[in-house]
C-alpha atoms as a PDB file:
ATOM      1  CA  UNK A   1      -9.861 -32.110 -25.417  1.00  0.00           C
ATOM      2  CA  UNK A   2      -9.510 -32.208 -21.634  1.00  0.00           C
ATOM      3  CA  UNK A   3     -11.713 -29.140 -21.178  1.00  0.00           C
ATOM      4  CA  UNK A   4     -14.048 -27.712 -23.808  1.00  0.00           C
ATOM      5  CA  UNK A   5     -15.663 -24.345 -23.085  1.00  0.00           C
ATOM      6  CA  UNK A   6     -18.808 -22.749 -24.506  1.00  0.00           C
ATOM      7  CA  UNK A   7     -19.033 -19.076 -23.587  1.00  0.00           C
ATOM      8  CA  UNK A   8     -18.777 -15.463 -24.672  1.00  0.00           C
ATOM      9  CA  UNK A   9     -15.387 -14.107 -25.686  1.00  0.00           C
ATOM     10  CA  UNK A  10     -14.667 -10.405 -25.389  1.00  0.00           C
ATOM     11  CA  UNK A  11     -11.825  -7.946 -25.466  1.00  0.00           C
ATOM     12  CA  UNK A  12     -10.927  -6.342 -22.149  1.00  0.00           C
ATOM     13  CA  UNK A  13      -9.301  -2.928 -21.874  1.00  0.00           C
ATOM     14  CA  UNK A  14      -7.926  -2.729 -18.325  1.00  0.00           C
ATOM     15  CA  UNK A  15      -7.095   0.735 -16.994  1.00  0.00           C
ATOM     16  CA  UNK A  16      -5.424   1.383 -13.640  1.00  0.00           C
ATOM     17  CA  UNK A  17      -6.701   4.578 -11.964  1.00  0.00           C
ATOM     18  CA  UNK A  18      -6.230   6.243  -8.591  1.00  0.00           C
ATOM     19  CA  UNK A  19      -9.987   6.350  -8.011  1.00  0.00           C
ATOM     20  CA  UNK A  20     -13.249   5.795  -9.851  1.00  0.00           C
ATOM     21  CA  UNK A  21     -14.785   8.897 -11.482  1.00  0.00           C
ATOM     22  CA  UNK A  22     -17.785  10.292  -9.611  1.00  0.00           C
ATOM     23  CA  UNK A  23     -18.856  12.957 -12.092  1.00  0.00           C
ATOM     24  CA  UNK A  24     -17.710  14.956 -15.083  1.00  0.00           C
ATOM     25  CA  UNK A  25     -13.999  15.655 -15.432  1.00  0.00           C
ATOM     26  CA  UNK A  26     -10.784  13.891 -16.403  1.00  0.00           C
ATOM     27  CA  UNK A  27      -9.442  10.664 -14.899  1.00  0.00           C
ATOM     28  CA  UNK A  28      -5.770   9.921 -15.482  1.00  0.00           C
ATOM     29  CA  UNK A  29      -4.889   6.327 -16.390  1.00  0.00           C
ATOM     30  CA  UNK A  30      -1.719   5.099 -14.694  1.00  0.00           C
ATOM     31  CA  UNK A  31      -1.368   1.932 -16.750  1.00  0.00           C
ATOM     32  CA  UNK A  32      -3.467   0.072 -19.320  1.00  0.00           C
ATOM     33  CA  UNK A  33      -3.466  -3.262 -21.127  1.00  0.00           C
ATOM     34  CA  UNK A  34      -5.590  -5.071 -23.735  1.00  0.00           C
ATOM     35  CA  UNK A  35      -6.369  -8.784 -23.452  1.00  0.00           C
ATOM     36  CA  UNK A  36      -9.091 -11.334 -24.033  1.00  0.00           C
ATOM     37  CA  UNK A  37     -11.767 -11.700 -21.385  1.00  0.00           C
ATOM     38  CA  UNK A  38     -14.947 -13.500 -20.393  1.00  0.00           C
ATOM     39  CA  UNK A  39     -15.627 -16.046 -17.626  1.00  0.00           C
ATOM     40  CA  UNK A  40     -15.415 -19.282 -19.627  1.00  0.00           C
ATOM     41  CA  UNK A  41     -12.622 -18.035 -21.940  1.00  0.00           C
ATOM     42  CA  UNK A  42     -10.395 -16.928 -19.059  1.00  0.00           C
ATOM     43  CA  UNK A  43     -11.024 -20.207 -17.216  1.00  0.00           C
ATOM     44  CA  UNK A  44      -9.807 -22.042 -20.325  1.00  0.00           C
ATOM     45  CA  UNK A  45      -6.681 -19.884 -20.557  1.00  0.00           C
ATOM     46  CA  UNK A  46      -5.917 -20.537 -16.876  1.00  0.00           C
ATOM     47  CA  UNK A  47      -6.372 -24.305 -17.271  1.00  0.00           C
ATOM     48  CA  UNK A  48      -4.253 -24.292 -20.420  1.00  0.00           C
ATOM     49  CA  UNK A  49      -1.439 -22.422 -18.653  1.00  0.00           C
ATOM     50  CA  UNK A  50      -1.475 -25.107 -15.953  1.00  0.00           C
ATOM     51  CA  UNK A  51      -1.194 -27.871 -18.547  1.00  0.00           C
ATOM     52  CA  UNK A  52      -4.671 -28.877 -19.749  1.00  0.00           C
ATOM     53  CA  UNK A  53      -5.663 -29.266 -23.403  1.00  0.00           C
ATOM     54  CA  UNK A  54      -8.483 -26.770 -23.921  1.00  0.00           C
ATOM     55  CA  UNK A  55     -10.675 -25.425 -26.717  1.00  0.00           C
ATOM     56  CA  UNK A  56     -13.332 -22.710 -27.020  1.00  0.00           C
ATOM     57  CA  UNK A  57     -16.667 -22.898 -28.847  1.00  0.00           C
ATOM     58  CA  UNK A  58     -17.724 -19.343 -29.688  1.00  0.00           C
ATOM     59  CA  UNK A  59     -18.317 -16.743 -32.382  1.00  0.00           C
ATOM     60  CA  UNK A  60     -17.211 -13.102 -32.325  1.00  0.00           C
ATOM     61  CA  UNK A  61     -17.228 -10.279 -34.858  1.00  0.00           C
ATOM     62  CA  UNK A  62     -14.834 -10.009 -37.776  1.00  0.00           C
ATOM     63  CA  UNK A  63     -13.251  -6.813 -36.462  1.00  0.00           C
ATOM     64  CA  UNK A  64     -10.028  -5.694 -34.799  1.00  0.00           C
ATOM     65  CA  UNK A  65     -11.430  -6.701 -31.415  1.00  0.00           C
ATOM     66  CA  UNK A  66     -12.101 -10.216 -32.682  1.00  0.00           C
ATOM     67  CA  UNK A  67      -8.583 -10.425 -34.115  1.00  0.00           C
ATOM     68  CA  UNK A  68      -7.072  -9.532 -30.726  1.00  0.00           C
ATOM     69  CA  UNK A  69      -9.360 -12.007 -28.937  1.00  0.00           C
ATOM     70  CA  UNK A  70      -8.167 -14.816 -31.229  1.00  0.00           C
ATOM     71  CA  UNK A  71      -4.541 -13.769 -30.811  1.00  0.00           C
ATOM     72  CA  UNK A  72      -4.827 -13.913 -27.022  1.00  0.00           C
ATOM     73  CA  UNK A  73      -6.338 -17.399 -27.122  1.00  0.00           C
ATOM     74  CA  UNK A  74      -3.393 -18.551 -29.234  1.00  0.00           C
ATOM     75  CA  UNK A  75      -0.968 -17.007 -26.749  1.00  0.00           C
ATOM     76  CA  UNK A  76      -2.262 -19.353 -24.043  1.00  0.00           C
ATOM     77  CA  UNK A  77      -2.620 -22.409 -26.264  1.00  0.00           C
ATOM     78  CA  UNK A  78      -6.424 -22.578 -26.397  1.00  0.00           C
ATOM     79  CA  UNK A  79      -7.539 -24.481 -29.501  1.00  0.00           C
ATOM     80  CA  UNK A  80      -9.553 -22.361 -31.969  1.00  0.00           C
ATOM     81  CA  UNK A  81     -10.992 -25.128 -34.159  1.00  0.00           C
ATOM     82  CA  UNK A  82     -14.551 -24.218 -33.106  1.00  0.00           C
ATOM     83  CA  UNK A  83     -14.018 -20.459 -32.819  1.00  0.00           C
ATOM     84  CA  UNK A  84     -15.161 -18.205 -35.661  1.00  0.00           C
ATOM     85  CA  UNK A  85     -15.472 -14.540 -36.631  1.00  0.00           C
ATOM     86  CA  UNK A  86     -18.715 -13.366 -38.240  1.00  0.00           C
ATOM     87  CA  UNK A  87     -18.417 -11.033 -41.219  1.00  0.00           C
ATOM     88  CA  UNK A  88     -19.890  -7.555 -40.709  1.00  0.00           C
ATOM     89  CA  UNK A  89     -20.418  -7.976 -36.950  1.00  0.00           C
ATOM     90  CA  UNK A  90     -18.655  -6.490 -33.924  1.00  0.00           C
ATOM     91  CA  UNK A  91     -17.063  -8.217 -30.931  1.00  0.00           C
ATOM     92  CA  UNK A  92     -17.887  -7.454 -27.304  1.00  0.00           C
ATOM     93  CA  UNK A  93     -15.731  -4.976 -25.362  1.00  0.00           C
ATOM     94  CA  UNK A  94     -15.256  -4.546 -21.636  1.00  0.00           C
ATOM     95  CA  UNK A  95     -13.563  -1.438 -20.246  1.00  0.00           C
ATOM     96  CA  UNK A  96     -12.406  -2.261 -16.720  1.00  0.00           C
ATOM     97  CA  UNK A  97     -11.323   0.542 -14.403  1.00  0.00           C
ATOM     98  CA  UNK A  98      -9.128  -0.820 -11.616  1.00  0.00           C
ATOM     99  CA  UNK A  99      -8.626   1.220  -8.437  1.00  0.00           C
ATOM    100  CA  UNK A 100      -4.928   1.282  -7.595  1.00  0.00           C
ATOM    101  CA  UNK A 101      -5.339   1.281  -3.813  1.00  0.00           C
ATOM    102  CA  UNK A 102      -7.182  -2.043  -3.467  1.00  0.00           C
ATOM    103  CA  UNK A 103      -7.643  -3.641  -6.906  1.00  0.00           C
ATOM    104  CA  UNK A 104     -11.421  -3.148  -6.941  1.00  0.00           C
ATOM    105  CA  UNK A 105     -13.115  -2.698 -10.324  1.00  0.00           C
ATOM    106  CA  UNK A 106     -15.723  -0.714 -12.202  1.00  0.00           C
ATOM    107  CA  UNK A 107     -16.768  -2.271 -15.518  1.00  0.00           C
ATOM    108  CA  UNK A 108     -18.226  -0.587 -18.609  1.00  0.00           C
ATOM    109  CA  UNK A 109     -19.522  -3.191 -21.067  1.00  0.00           C
ATOM    110  CA  UNK A 110     -20.457  -3.052 -24.746  1.00  0.00           C
ATOM    111  CA  UNK A 111     -21.996  -6.258 -26.125  1.00  0.00           C
ATOM    112  CA  UNK A 112     -21.028  -7.153 -29.678  1.00  0.00           C
ATOM    113  CA  UNK A 113     -23.416  -7.891 -32.521  1.00  0.00           C
ATOM    114  CA  UNK A 114     -22.173 -11.372 -33.471  1.00  0.00           C
ATOM    115  CA  UNK A 115     -25.080 -13.825 -33.459  1.00  0.00           C
ATOM    116  CA  UNK A 116     -25.264 -16.463 -30.708  1.00  0.00           C
ATOM    117  CA  UNK A 117     -24.441 -20.003 -31.740  1.00  0.00           C
ATOM    118  CA  UNK A 118     -27.399 -22.212 -32.597  1.00  0.00           C
ATOM    119  CA  UNK A 119     -27.920 -25.830 -31.615  1.00  0.00           C
ATOM    120  CA  UNK A 120     -27.237 -26.975 -35.194  1.00  0.00           C
ATOM    121  CA  UNK A 121     -23.798 -25.315 -35.075  1.00  0.00           C
ATOM    122  CA  UNK A 122     -22.510 -27.286 -32.088  1.00  0.00           C
ATOM    123  CA  UNK A 123     -19.474 -29.553 -32.752  1.00  0.00           C
ATOM    124  CA  UNK A 124     -21.256 -32.764 -31.764  1.00  0.00           C
ATOM    125  CA  UNK A 125     -18.263 -35.109 -32.107  1.00  0.00           C
ATOM    126  CA  UNK A 126     -16.017 -32.836 -30.042  1.00  0.00           C
ATOM    127  CA  UNK A 127     -18.624 -32.569 -27.295  1.00  0.00           C
ATOM    128  CA  UNK A 128     -19.048 -36.333 -27.151  1.00  0.00           C
ATOM    129  CA  UNK A 129     -15.298 -36.833 -26.818  1.00  0.00           C
ATOM    130  CA  UNK A 130     -14.347 -34.070 -24.364  1.00  0.00           C
ATOM    131  CA  UNK A 131     -13.634 -34.940 -20.726  1.00  0.00           C
ATOM    132  CA  UNK A 132     -15.129 -31.759 -19.221  1.00  0.00           C
ATOM    133  CA  UNK A 133     -17.497 -29.154 -20.672  1.00  0.00           C
ATOM    134  CA  UNK A 134     -17.422 -25.753 -18.951  1.00  0.00           C
ATOM    135  CA  UNK A 135     -20.435 -23.433 -19.295  1.00  0.00           C
ATOM    136  CA  UNK A 136     -21.879 -20.240 -17.829  1.00  0.00           C
ATOM    137  CA  UNK A 137     -25.210 -20.091 -19.688  1.00  0.00           C
ATOM    138  CA  UNK A 138     -24.147 -18.112 -22.758  1.00  0.00           C
ATOM    139  CA  UNK A 139     -25.417 -19.202 -26.210  1.00  0.00           C
ATOM    140  CA  UNK A 140     -28.660 -20.442 -24.703  1.00  0.00           C
ATOM    141  CA  UNK A 141     -30.281 -22.854 -25.741  1.00  0.00           C
ATOM    142  CA  UNK A 142     -27.181 -24.335 -27.465  1.00  0.00           C
ATOM    143  CA  UNK A 143     -25.608 -24.333 -23.998  1.00  0.00           C
ATOM    144  CA  UNK A 144     -28.306 -26.710 -22.725  1.00  0.00           C
ATOM    145  CA  UNK A 145     -28.019 -29.022 -25.735  1.00  0.00           C
ATOM    146  CA  UNK A 146     -24.222 -29.155 -25.358  1.00  0.00           C
ATOM    147  CA  UNK A 147     -24.641 -30.309 -21.763  1.00  0.00           C
ATOM    148  CA  UNK A 148     -27.064 -33.033 -22.877  1.00  0.00           C
ATOM    149  CA  UNK A 149     -24.581 -34.319 -25.472  1.00  0.00           C
ATOM    150  CA  UNK A 150     -21.700 -34.431 -22.989  1.00  0.00           C
ATOM    151  CA  UNK A 151     -23.765 -36.183 -20.306  1.00  0.00           C
ATOM    152  CA  UNK A 152     -25.030 -38.779 -22.784  1.00  0.00           C
ATOM    153  CA  UNK A 153     -21.418 -39.556 -23.732  1.00  0.00           C
ATOM    154  CA  UNK A 154     -20.315 -39.917 -20.098  1.00  0.00           C
ATOM    155  CA  UNK A 155     -18.434 -36.627 -19.803  1.00  0.00           C
ATOM    156  CA  UNK A 156     -18.471 -34.113 -16.962  1.00  0.00           C
ATOM    157  CA  UNK A 157     -20.407 -30.829 -17.122  1.00  0.00           C
ATOM    158  CA  UNK A 158     -19.189 -27.798 -15.148  1.00  0.00           C
ATOM    159  CA  UNK A 159     -21.209 -24.621 -14.604  1.00  0.00           C
ATOM    160  CA  UNK A 160     -20.005 -21.192 -13.469  1.00  0.00           C
ATOM    161  CA  UNK A 161     -22.815 -19.276 -11.785  1.00  0.00           C
ATOM    162  CA  UNK A 162     -21.312 -15.804 -11.746  1.00  0.00           C
ATOM    163  CA  UNK A 163     -22.264 -12.805  -9.637  1.00  0.00           C
ATOM    164  CA  UNK A 164     -25.147 -10.819 -11.147  1.00  0.00           C
ATOM    165  CA  UNK A 165     -25.699 -13.656 -13.633  1.00  0.00           C
ATOM    166  CA  UNK A 166     -28.550 -15.563 -11.979  1.00  0.00           C
ATOM    167  CA  UNK A 167     -31.416 -16.447 -14.301  1.00  0.00           C
ATOM    168  CA  UNK A 168     -34.334 -18.764 -13.404  1.00  0.00           C
ATOM    169  CA  UNK A 169     -33.912 -20.552 -16.745  1.00  0.00           C
ATOM    170  CA  UNK A 170     -30.666 -22.048 -15.426  1.00  0.00           C
ATOM    171  CA  UNK A 171     -32.754 -24.321 -13.188  1.00  0.00           C
ATOM    172  CA  UNK A 172     -33.442 -26.342 -16.330  1.00  0.00           C
ATOM    173  CA  UNK A 173     -29.704 -26.835 -16.881  1.00  0.00           C
ATOM    174  CA  UNK A 174     -28.513 -27.503 -13.315  1.00  0.00           C
ATOM    175  CA  UNK A 175     -29.689 -31.153 -13.114  1.00  0.00           C
ATOM    176  CA  UNK A 176     -27.206 -31.873 -15.936  1.00  0.00           C
ATOM    177  CA  UNK A 177     -24.291 -30.279 -14.053  1.00  0.00           C
ATOM    178  CA  UNK A 178     -21.654 -32.356 -12.213  1.00  0.00           C
ATOM    179  CA  UNK A 179     -19.427 -29.534 -10.933  1.00  0.00           C
ATOM    180  CA  UNK A 180     -21.535 -26.589  -9.784  1.00  0.00           C
ATOM    181  CA  UNK A 181     -19.479 -23.679  -8.437  1.00  0.00           C
ATOM    182  CA  UNK A 182     -21.232 -20.331  -8.082  1.00  0.00           C
ATOM    183  CA  UNK A 183     -20.667 -16.884  -6.634  1.00  0.00           C
ATOM    184  CA  UNK A 184     -22.274 -15.882  -3.324  1.00  0.00           C
ATOM    185  CA  UNK A 185     -24.783 -13.650  -5.133  1.00  0.00           C
ATOM    186  CA  UNK A 186     -25.897 -16.541  -7.367  1.00  0.00           C
ATOM    187  CA  UNK A 187     -26.253 -18.887  -4.390  1.00  0.00           C
ATOM    188  CA  UNK A 188     -28.372 -16.364  -2.486  1.00  0.00           C
ATOM    189  CA  UNK A 189     -30.765 -15.904  -5.388  1.00  0.00           C
ATOM    190  CA  UNK A 190     -30.981 -19.599  -6.182  1.00  0.00           C
ATOM    191  CA  UNK A 191     -31.767 -20.593  -2.573  1.00  0.00           C
ATOM    192  CA  UNK A 192     -33.621 -17.411  -1.574  1.00  0.00           C
ATOM    193  CA  UNK A 193     -31.510 -17.470   1.588  1.00  0.00           C
ATOM    194  CA  UNK A 194     -28.489 -15.748   3.088  1.00  0.00           C
ATOM    195  CA  UNK A 195     -27.557 -18.843   5.110  1.00  0.00           C
ATOM    196  CA  UNK A 196     -24.519 -20.668   3.694  1.00  0.00           C
ATOM    197  CA  UNK A 197     -25.680 -24.159   4.726  1.00  0.00           C
ATOM    198  CA  UNK A 198     -29.091 -23.589   3.166  1.00  0.00           C
ATOM    199  CA  UNK A 199     -27.431 -22.370  -0.028  1.00  0.00           C
ATOM    200  CA  UNK A 200     -25.197 -25.436  -0.271  1.00  0.00           C
ATOM    201  CA  UNK A 201     -28.114 -27.797   0.356  1.00  0.00           C
ATOM    202  CA  UNK A 202     -30.215 -26.076  -2.310  1.00  0.00           C
ATOM    203  CA  UNK A 203     -27.413 -26.384  -4.844  1.00  0.00           C
ATOM    204  CA  UNK A 204     -26.685 -30.000  -3.920  1.00  0.00           C
ATOM    205  CA  UNK A 205     -30.338 -30.913  -4.430  1.00  0.00           C
ATOM    206  CA  UNK A 206     -29.844 -30.228  -8.156  1.00  0.00           C
ATOM    207  CA  UNK A 207     -27.810 -33.460  -8.383  1.00  0.00           C
ATOM    208  CA  UNK A 208     -24.177 -32.341  -8.869  1.00  0.00           C
ATOM    209  CA  UNK A 209     -21.181 -34.394  -7.711  1.00  0.00           C
ATOM    210  CA  UNK A 210     -19.924 -31.306  -5.887  1.00  0.00           C
ATOM    211  CA  UNK A 211     -21.215 -27.787  -5.303  1.00  0.00           C
ATOM    212  CA  UNK A 212     -19.255 -24.750  -4.224  1.00  0.00           C
ATOM    213  CA  UNK A 213     -19.763 -21.100  -3.330  1.00  0.00           C
ATOM    214  CA  UNK A 214     -16.978 -18.559  -3.849  1.00  0.00           C
ATOM    215  CA  UNK A 215     -16.821 -15.371  -1.803  1.00  0.00           C
ATOM    216  CA  UNK A 216     -13.644 -13.443  -2.586  1.00  0.00           C
ATOM    217  CA  UNK A 217     -11.205 -12.982   0.278  1.00  0.00           C
ATOM    218  CA  UNK A 218     -13.529 -14.938   2.582  1.00  0.00           C
ATOM    219  CA  UNK A 219     -12.683 -18.073   0.626  1.00  0.00           C
ATOM    220  CA  UNK A 220     -14.964 -20.767  -0.749  1.00  0.00           C
ATOM    221  CA  UNK A 221     -17.325 -23.367   0.686  1.00  0.00           C
ATOM    222  CA  UNK A 222     -17.824 -26.815  -0.840  1.00  0.00           C
ATOM    223  CA  UNK A 223     -20.193 -29.703  -0.293  1.00  0.00           C
ATOM    224  CA  UNK A 224     -19.631 -33.010  -2.166  1.00  0.00           C
ATOM    225  CA  UNK A 225     -22.509 -35.369  -2.829  1.00  0.00           C
ATOM    226  CA  UNK A 226     -20.365 -38.034  -1.131  1.00  0.00           C
ATOM    227  CA  UNK A 227     -18.186 -36.721   1.669  1.00  0.00           C
ATOM    228  CA  UNK A 228     -18.020 -33.912   4.171  1.00  0.00           C
ATOM    229  CA  UNK A 229     -18.475 -30.181   3.499  1.00  0.00           C
ATOM    230  CA  UNK A 230     -15.338 -28.059   3.791  1.00  0.00           C
ATOM    231  CA  UNK A 231     -14.164 -24.458   3.664  1.00  0.00           C
ATOM    232  CA  UNK A 232     -11.190 -23.399   1.571  1.00  0.00           C
ATOM    233  CA  UNK A 233      -9.642 -20.161   2.900  1.00  0.00           C
ATOM    234  CA  UNK A 234      -8.415 -17.623   0.374  1.00  0.00           C
ATOM    235  CA  UNK A 235      -4.671 -17.213  -0.050  1.00  0.00           C
ATOM    236  CA  UNK A 236      -4.001 -13.627   1.026  1.00  0.00           C
ATOM    237  CA  UNK A 237      -1.010 -12.263  -0.852  1.00  0.00           C
ATOM    238  CA  UNK A 238       0.565  -8.854  -1.300  1.00  0.00           C
ATOM    239  CA  UNK A 239       0.445  -6.832  -3.426  1.00  0.00           C
ATOM    240  CA  UNK A 240      -3.046  -7.148  -4.896  1.00  0.00           C
ATOM    241  CA  UNK A 241      -2.976  -5.332  -8.231  1.00  0.00           C
ATOM    242  CA  UNK A 242      -6.309  -6.309  -9.803  1.00  0.00           C
ATOM    243  CA  UNK A 243      -9.112  -8.727  -8.877  1.00  0.00           C
ATOM    244  CA  UNK A 244     -10.438  -8.933 -12.459  1.00  0.00           C
ATOM    245  CA  UNK A 245     -10.980 -12.555 -13.474  1.00  0.00           C
ATOM    246  CA  UNK A 246      -9.967 -14.152 -10.155  1.00  0.00           C
ATOM    247  CA  UNK A 247     -13.175 -16.185 -10.062  1.00  0.00           C
ATOM    248  CA  UNK A 248     -12.680 -17.291 -13.666  1.00  0.00           C
ATOM    249  CA  UNK A 249      -9.124 -18.417 -12.905  1.00  0.00           C
ATOM    250  CA  UNK A 250     -10.473 -20.291  -9.864  1.00  0.00           C
ATOM    251  CA  UNK A 251     -12.817 -22.247 -12.127  1.00  0.00           C
ATOM    252  CA  UNK A 252     -10.145 -23.060 -14.683  1.00  0.00           C
ATOM    253  CA  UNK A 253      -7.633 -24.197 -12.060  1.00  0.00           C
ATOM    254  CA  UNK A 254     -10.267 -26.260 -10.233  1.00  0.00           C
ATOM    255  CA  UNK A 255     -11.213 -28.112 -13.431  1.00  0.00           C
ATOM    256  CA  UNK A 256      -7.554 -28.668 -14.297  1.00  0.00           C
ATOM    257  CA  UNK A 257      -6.897 -30.104 -10.839  1.00  0.00           C
ATOM    258  CA  UNK A 258      -9.956 -32.380 -10.921  1.00  0.00           C
ATOM    259  CA  UNK A 259      -9.016 -33.680 -14.371  1.00  0.00           C
ATOM    260  CA  UNK A 260      -5.456 -34.310 -13.130  1.00  0.00           C
ATOM    261  CA  UNK A 261      -6.843 -36.671 -10.483  1.00  0.00           C
ATOM    262  CA  UNK A 262      -6.796 -34.523  -7.350  1.00  0.00           C
ATOM    263  CA  UNK A 263      -9.522 -34.906  -4.750  1.00  0.00           C
ATOM    264  CA  UNK A 264     -12.049 -32.136  -4.137  1.00  0.00           C
ATOM    265  CA  UNK A 265     -10.144 -30.484  -1.275  1.00  0.00           C
ATOM    266  CA  UNK A 266      -6.780 -30.456  -3.033  1.00  0.00           C
ATOM    267  CA  UNK A 267      -8.458 -29.140  -6.194  1.00  0.00           C
ATOM    268  CA  UNK A 268      -9.971 -26.287  -4.181  1.00  0.00           C
ATOM    269  CA  UNK A 269      -6.554 -25.450  -2.692  1.00  0.00           C
ATOM    270  CA  UNK A 270      -4.969 -25.364  -6.145  1.00  0.00           C
ATOM    271  CA  UNK A 271      -7.812 -23.197  -7.472  1.00  0.00           C
ATOM    272  CA  UNK A 272      -7.606 -20.766  -4.564  1.00  0.00           C
ATOM    273  CA  UNK A 273      -3.844 -20.392  -4.958  1.00  0.00           C
ATOM    274  CA  UNK A 274      -4.114 -19.828  -8.716  1.00  0.00           C
ATOM    275  CA  UNK A 275      -6.807 -17.176  -8.212  1.00  0.00           C
ATOM    276  CA  UNK A 276      -4.691 -15.351  -5.637  1.00  0.00           C
ATOM    277  CA  UNK A 277      -1.624 -15.321  -7.861  1.00  0.00           C
ATOM    278  CA  UNK A 278      -3.669 -13.990 -10.774  1.00  0.00           C
ATOM    279  CA  UNK A 279      -4.551 -10.907  -8.692  1.00  0.00           C
ATOM    280  CA  UNK A 280      -0.902  -9.843  -8.799  1.00  0.00           C
ATOM    281  CA  UNK A 281      -1.160  -8.785 -12.442  1.00  0.00           C
ATOM    282  CA  UNK A 282      -3.273  -6.252 -14.286  1.00  0.00           C
ATOM    283  CA  UNK A 283      -6.211  -7.905 -16.064  1.00  0.00           C
ATOM    284  CA  UNK A 284      -7.790 -11.325 -15.769  1.00  0.00           C
ATOM    285  CA  UNK A 285      -4.951 -12.915 -17.734  1.00  0.00           C
ATOM    286  CA  UNK A 286      -2.171 -10.545 -16.721  1.00  0.00           C
ATOM    287  CA  UNK A 287      -0.589 -13.035 -14.308  1.00  0.00           C
ATOM    288  CA  UNK A 288      -1.906 -16.518 -15.021  1.00  0.00           C
ATOM    289  CA  UNK A 289       0.310 -18.804 -12.927  1.00  0.00           C
ATOM    290  CA  UNK A 290       2.153 -21.960 -13.905  1.00  0.00           C
ATOM    291  CA  UNK A 291       1.689 -25.165 -11.936  1.00  0.00           C
ATOM    292  CA  UNK A 292       5.070 -24.736 -10.273  1.00  0.00           C
ATOM    293  CA  UNK A 293       4.051 -21.288  -9.014  1.00  0.00           C
ATOM    294  CA  UNK A 294       0.757 -22.662  -7.681  1.00  0.00           C
ATOM    295  CA  UNK A 295       2.491 -25.553  -5.916  1.00  0.00           C
ATOM    296  CA  UNK A 296       4.966 -23.167  -4.322  1.00  0.00           C
ATOM    297  CA  UNK A 297       2.162 -21.053  -2.840  1.00  0.00           C
ATOM    298  CA  UNK A 298       0.132 -24.084  -1.707  1.00  0.00           C
ATOM    299  CA  UNK A 299       3.136 -25.561   0.081  1.00  0.00           C
END
């Protein structure tokens, strides 16, 4: 596999509303869709749509949600060899309210009951052969062991530090990470600073080949271990339908571009363009772009 992901799969129900509810009453839904979700899973779907060979390592419940999650993976060509459904357990569900005026979101989340994967359940041979392993800390401590296996075999480890996902335990994992791209919130907590340069230095000290901080429409900031720091502006496009999953798509497109041989700056441009295009559809996977669409926007 080009990119192997270890993360939590869930089913997203995306509902377009005029405004978020502020109290009791009735909120009319203008449009709704069901699709798979989750940071690592959506990154894999985005990379697969662009042309990478991807696979997911995960376990969900053996319920209708799990069936739809598996079906959505298959739609985007993500390999399910190491994906399973646990009998008698439920799969995670995210209900995402999207405000029609600006694409902002309010998320209601129900975690499933499927048991996390253990270290003994990891596909060791697949991990040793994959080019890139993409993680976000789920299935801990199997997540840490997977990174060790990939590093020992000479592969690349990527970590997505999402907003509101910072955990001090990740400091144990970060020295194993080669591509470390995190949200502004994660960078602030990790560095205990609101200064962008301080944040980048703190991340780079963990030993990655490149670190990055994403910040929505303000773009992203990168600092390679060898080379000069740079800022990648966001591609501002109209209309913006839904910002769900834009960061996840950014990660998937960035990893695809790096694996395809692009340098850091070109990879960031490709990732930024893919994320922007994804915001033109409802749901994190509602408008995953092809490589031709990304190239058109970049040019």
